[in-house]
């Protein structure tokens, strides 16, 4: 295939988005027969089917999923260009697509990415939250520019990507003012048997916290295991139990949730990483984010 017919690609993209040739034909103001014929021509030029029929519907084939990713980039950019031309805003925002692991504290992720929001219109962020394994797959297929994670890229991932260590942040223990008054005296011994909200097993904060409890000879009373940091903060702010958070988000947690600090889990650190497809970061926005995180956010 020497040249790509963008009209055919547009028809394919519309069908994939609409879910059927009939709906796509109404959007395109063409007959279903015309749309179907154009897609068949695209499939012939590619040499593989782009859709599989399931019942009365169409689902993307494996090759269709690949083509759709590129088509989505092409036509989404075209729509953005059209918007800019119509609005008279001739500045072009840098698109930065970032994966955030579901175990990474949301407030920490925000602080890492905050510099990208400081100049309105300069950077357009697209944020995707998922498990590290799935985000790594998206990074490998160039659907992500960067991953923010509290765990490094596994050495056996088989993906051409590199860990860029941003720093570490010590864990602090928070609670409502009433619980703080009760458990702050004789900290950390007072935490033995104390009601705790903790991340689920496998979370980086949970691993570090469990190790710290063991070193201190503390056995807390686990009230709930929660896999979302924002949900832990919300439950903790209502007095359901004490809860951990990193120093990097401490000030915002106190302000947003009205909680106070019971104490610091001295020596318990969570590590943070930027995972990118570049050994040496050349993307200017990613470079800026990493440098700001290292110098201003983490130890």
Foldseek 3Di string as FASTA:
>chain_A
DPDDDVVLLVLLLQCQVVFHLVVSCVVVVHDSVVSVVSVVVNCVVVVHHQWDDDPNTTDGDPVVVLSNVVSCVVVVVVVVVVVCVVVVPPDAAAEAEEEEELLDAPLLVCVLQVVSPPDPPNHDYHYHYYHPLVVLVCQQSVVHAKYKYLDFDDPPSPGQKDKDWLAKFFKFKKAAPVVLVVQLVPPPVSQAQFEEEEADPPRQLRVLVVVLCVVVVHDYHYPYHHSHNVVRLQCRLVGRGMYMDTPLCVVVSCVVSVMDTSGTSPPRMTIMIMMGSDPDDDPVSNVVSSVCSNPPRHD
